[in-house]
Amino acid sequence: MSIFARPHYTSEATNFIEQLKKDKPQLDAQQQQGRSLLWDKEVDADVWQDYRAGKVAQKAYVYYSYTPAGKRTTPI
């Protein structure tokens, strides 16, 4: 045994999660099903390309109005 070896430690949170998974074996499947409702979606590349092409560049500081000559006026 090494002098640097420590006893195995598991936190209360880890113990809780392990016990929960033992009590409810269907929990992982339910989590995957819930994730698929919100996150696992097919992405249409053409729609995203159109979306990105339609963006308008924002000025660095939007709380000031700018004249056509580029001079700052009073805050909005």
N, C-alpha and C. Protein backbone atom coordinates (compact mmCIF):
# COMPACT_ATOMS: atom_id res chain seq x y z
N MET A 1 0.84 -1.18 0.00
CA MET A 1 0.00 0.00 0.00
C MET A 1 0.88 1.24 0.00
N SER A 2 0.53 2.19 -0.83
CA SER A 2 1.29 3.43 -0.94
C SER A 2 0.98 4.34 0.25
N ILE A 3 1.94 5.16 0.60
CA ILE A 3 1.70 6.10 1.71
C ILE A 3 0.78 7.24 1.27
N PHE A 4 0.61 7.39 -0.04
CA PHE A 4 -0.25 8.46 -0.55
C PHE A 4 -1.69 8.01 -0.80
N ALA A 5 -1.95 6.73 -0.62
CA ALA A 5 -3.29 6.21 -0.88
C ALA A 5 -4.27 6.74 0.16
N ARG A 6 -5.45 7.10 -0.31
CA ARG A 6 -6.50 7.59 0.57
C ARG A 6 -7.67 6.63 0.51
N PRO A 7 -8.45 6.58 1.54
CA PRO A 7 -9.64 5.72 1.47
C PRO A 7 -10.61 6.27 0.41
N HIS A 8 -11.34 5.36 -0.21
CA HIS A 8 -12.29 5.76 -1.26
C HIS A 8 -13.40 6.62 -0.65
N TYR A 9 -13.64 7.79 -1.25
CA TYR A 9 -14.64 8.72 -0.74
C TYR A 9 -15.68 8.96 -1.82
N THR A 10 -16.93 8.92 -1.43
CA THR A 10 -18.01 9.35 -2.32
C THR A 10 -18.86 10.36 -1.57
N SER A 11 -19.22 11.41 -2.26
CA SER A 11 -19.99 12.48 -1.63
C SER A 11 -21.43 12.05 -1.41
N GLU A 12 -22.14 12.84 -0.63
CA GLU A 12 -23.55 12.57 -0.38
C GLU A 12 -24.36 12.67 -1.68
N ALA A 13 -23.98 13.63 -2.53
CA ALA A 13 -24.69 13.81 -3.80
C ALA A 13 -24.50 12.58 -4.69
N THR A 14 -23.27 12.07 -4.74
CA THR A 14 -23.00 10.88 -5.55
C THR A 14 -23.77 9.68 -5.01
N ASN A 15 -23.77 9.52 -3.70
CA ASN A 15 -24.52 8.41 -3.09
C ASN A 15 -26.01 8.53 -3.39
N PHE A 16 -26.54 9.76 -3.34
CA PHE A 16 -27.95 9.98 -3.63
C PHE A 16 -28.29 9.60 -5.07
N ILE A 17 -27.46 10.03 -6.01
CA ILE A 17 -27.72 9.74 -7.42
C ILE A 17 -27.62 8.24 -7.69
N GLU A 18 -26.62 7.59 -7.11
CA GLU A 18 -26.49 6.15 -7.31
C GLU A 18 -27.69 5.41 -6.73
N GLN A 19 -28.16 5.82 -5.56
CA GLN A 19 -29.33 5.19 -4.96
C GLN A 19 -30.59 5.45 -5.78
N LEU A 20 -30.71 6.67 -6.31
CA LEU A 20 -31.86 7.01 -7.14
C LEU A 20 -31.90 6.15 -8.40
N LYS A 21 -30.73 5.94 -9.01
CA LYS A 21 -30.67 5.11 -10.22
C LYS A 21 -30.97 3.65 -9.91
N LYS A 22 -30.62 3.19 -8.71
CA LYS A 22 -30.95 1.82 -8.32
C LYS A 22 -32.46 1.69 -8.09
N ASP A 23 -33.06 2.71 -7.47
CA ASP A 23 -34.49 2.67 -7.17
C ASP A 23 -35.35 2.83 -8.42
N LYS A 24 -34.87 3.64 -9.37
CA LYS A 24 -35.64 3.92 -10.59
C LYS A 24 -34.77 3.62 -11.82
N PRO A 25 -34.71 2.37 -12.24
CA PRO A 25 -33.85 2.03 -13.39
C PRO A 25 -34.33 2.66 -14.70
N GLN A 26 -35.59 3.07 -14.77
CA GLN A 26 -36.11 3.69 -16.00
C GLN A 26 -35.73 5.17 -16.10
N LEU A 27 -35.06 5.72 -15.12
CA LEU A 27 -34.76 7.15 -15.08
C LEU A 27 -33.89 7.59 -16.25
N ASP A 28 -32.87 6.80 -16.60
CA ASP A 28 -32.01 7.18 -17.73
C ASP A 28 -32.79 7.26 -19.03
N ALA A 29 -33.67 6.31 -19.25
CA ALA A 29 -34.49 6.33 -20.48
C ALA A 29 -35.41 7.53 -20.50
N GLN A 30 -35.98 7.89 -19.35
CA GLN A 30 -36.85 9.06 -19.28
C GLN A 30 -36.06 10.34 -19.54
N GLN A 31 -34.85 10.41 -19.03
CA GLN A 31 -34.02 11.59 -19.28
C GLN A 31 -33.69 11.73 -20.76
N GLN A 32 -33.35 10.61 -21.41
CA GLN A 32 -33.05 10.66 -22.84
C GLN A 32 -34.28 11.06 -23.65
N GLN A 33 -35.44 10.58 -23.24
CA GLN A 33 -36.68 10.94 -23.93
C GLN A 33 -36.96 12.44 -23.77
N GLY A 34 -36.78 12.97 -22.58
CA GLY A 34 -36.99 14.40 -22.36
C GLY A 34 -36.00 15.25 -23.12
N ARG A 35 -34.76 14.79 -23.18
CA ARG A 35 -33.75 15.53 -23.93
C ARG A 35 -34.10 15.57 -25.41
N SER A 36 -34.61 14.48 -25.93
CA SER A 36 -34.94 14.44 -27.36
C SER A 36 -36.07 15.41 -27.71
N LEU A 37 -36.92 15.72 -26.75
CA LEU A 37 -38.00 16.68 -27.01
C LEU A 37 -37.47 18.08 -27.26
N LEU A 38 -36.42 18.46 -26.55
CA LEU A 38 -35.93 19.83 -26.62
C LEU A 38 -34.65 20.01 -27.44
N TRP A 39 -33.75 19.05 -27.40
CA TRP A 39 -32.42 19.28 -27.92
C TRP A 39 -32.07 18.48 -29.16
N ASP A 40 -32.46 17.25 -29.24
CA ASP A 40 -32.05 16.40 -30.35
C ASP A 40 -32.97 16.62 -31.54
N LYS A 41 -32.68 17.67 -32.28
CA LYS A 41 -33.50 18.03 -33.44
C LYS A 41 -32.65 18.01 -34.70
N GLU A 42 -33.30 17.73 -35.81
CA GLU A 42 -32.62 17.83 -37.10
C GLU A 42 -32.45 19.30 -37.45
N VAL A 43 -31.29 19.67 -37.93
CA VAL A 43 -31.00 21.06 -38.26
C VAL A 43 -31.04 21.22 -39.77
N ASP A 44 -31.83 22.19 -40.23
CA ASP A 44 -31.91 22.49 -41.66
C ASP A 44 -30.85 23.54 -41.98
N ALA A 45 -29.81 23.13 -42.67
CA ALA A 45 -28.68 24.02 -42.96
C ALA A 45 -29.08 25.21 -43.82
N ASP A 46 -30.02 25.02 -44.74
CA ASP A 46 -30.45 26.12 -45.62
C ASP A 46 -31.15 27.21 -44.82
N VAL A 47 -31.97 26.83 -43.87
CA VAL A 47 -32.67 27.82 -43.04
C VAL A 47 -31.68 28.61 -42.21
N TRP A 48 -30.70 27.93 -41.62
CA TRP A 48 -29.68 28.63 -40.82
C TRP A 48 -28.82 29.55 -41.67
N GLN A 49 -28.54 29.14 -42.89
CA GLN A 49 -27.76 29.99 -43.78
C GLN A 49 -28.53 31.26 -44.11
N ASP A 50 -29.82 31.14 -44.37
CA ASP A 50 -30.65 32.32 -44.63
C ASP A 50 -30.73 33.21 -43.40
N TYR A 51 -30.85 32.59 -42.23
CA TYR A 51 -30.93 33.34 -40.97
C TYR A 51 -29.65 34.16 -40.75
N ARG A 52 -28.52 33.53 -40.94
CA ARG A 52 -27.24 34.24 -40.73
C ARG A 52 -27.03 35.33 -41.79
N ALA A 53 -27.50 35.09 -42.99
CA ALA A 53 -27.34 36.09 -44.05
C ALA A 53 -28.20 37.33 -43.79
N GLY A 54 -29.29 37.17 -43.06
CA GLY A 54 -30.19 38.28 -42.80
C GLY A 54 -29.83 39.13 -41.59
N LYS A 55 -28.76 38.78 -40.88
CA LYS A 55 -28.38 39.56 -39.70
C LYS A 55 -27.87 40.93 -40.10
N VAL A 56 -28.15 41.90 -39.26
CA VAL A 56 -27.68 43.26 -39.47
C VAL A 56 -26.63 43.55 -38.41
N ALA A 57 -25.52 44.11 -38.81
CA ALA A 57 -24.44 44.40 -37.87
C ALA A 57 -24.89 45.45 -36.86
N GLN A 58 -24.56 45.22 -35.62
CA GLN A 58 -24.94 46.14 -34.54
C GLN A 58 -23.77 47.06 -34.25
N LYS A 59 -24.09 48.31 -33.95
CA LYS A 59 -23.04 49.26 -33.61
C LYS A 59 -22.43 48.88 -32.27
N ALA A 60 -21.21 49.36 -32.02
CA ALA A 60 -20.49 48.98 -30.82
C ALA A 60 -21.22 49.42 -29.55
N TYR A 61 -21.78 50.61 -29.56
CA TYR A 61 -22.47 51.11 -28.38
C TYR A 61 -23.83 51.61 -28.83
N VAL A 62 -24.86 50.85 -28.55
CA VAL A 62 -26.17 51.10 -29.14
C VAL A 62 -26.98 52.17 -28.42
N TYR A 63 -26.51 52.67 -27.29
CA TYR A 63 -27.31 53.62 -26.52
C TYR A 63 -27.12 55.06 -26.96
N TYR A 64 -26.27 55.30 -27.91
CA TYR A 64 -26.10 56.62 -28.49
C TYR A 64 -26.62 56.59 -29.91
N SER A 65 -27.23 57.69 -30.31
CA SER A 65 -27.65 57.77 -31.70
C SER A 65 -26.53 58.43 -32.49
N TYR A 66 -26.41 58.07 -33.74
CA TYR A 66 -25.34 58.59 -34.59
C TYR A 66 -25.95 59.31 -35.77
N THR A 67 -25.36 60.41 -36.10
CA THR A 67 -25.80 61.15 -37.27
C THR A 67 -25.17 60.51 -38.50
N PRO A 68 -25.64 60.84 -39.67
CA PRO A 68 -25.04 60.26 -40.88
C PRO A 68 -23.55 60.58 -41.01
N ALA A 69 -23.12 61.71 -40.45
CA ALA A 69 -21.71 62.07 -40.54
C ALA A 69 -20.87 61.28 -39.52
N GLY A 70 -21.52 60.55 -38.64
CA GLY A 70 -20.80 59.73 -37.69
C GLY A 70 -20.54 60.43 -36.37
N LYS A 71 -21.13 61.64 -36.17
CA LYS A 71 -20.90 62.36 -34.92
C LYS A 71 -21.95 61.95 -33.91
N ARG A 72 -21.52 61.83 -32.68
CA ARG A 72 -22.42 61.39 -31.63
C ARG A 72 -23.32 62.55 -31.20
N THR A 73 -24.58 62.22 -30.97
CA THR A 73 -25.51 63.20 -30.41
C THR A 73 -25.78 62.82 -28.96
N THR A 74 -26.81 63.35 -28.38
CA THR A 74 -27.12 63.08 -26.98
C THR A 74 -27.58 61.63 -26.81
N PRO A 75 -27.45 61.10 -25.59
CA PRO A 75 -27.92 59.72 -25.35
C PRO A 75 -29.42 59.60 -25.57
N ILE A 76 -29.82 58.45 -25.95
CA ILE A 76 -31.25 58.19 -26.17
C ILE A 76 -31.95 58.01 -24.85
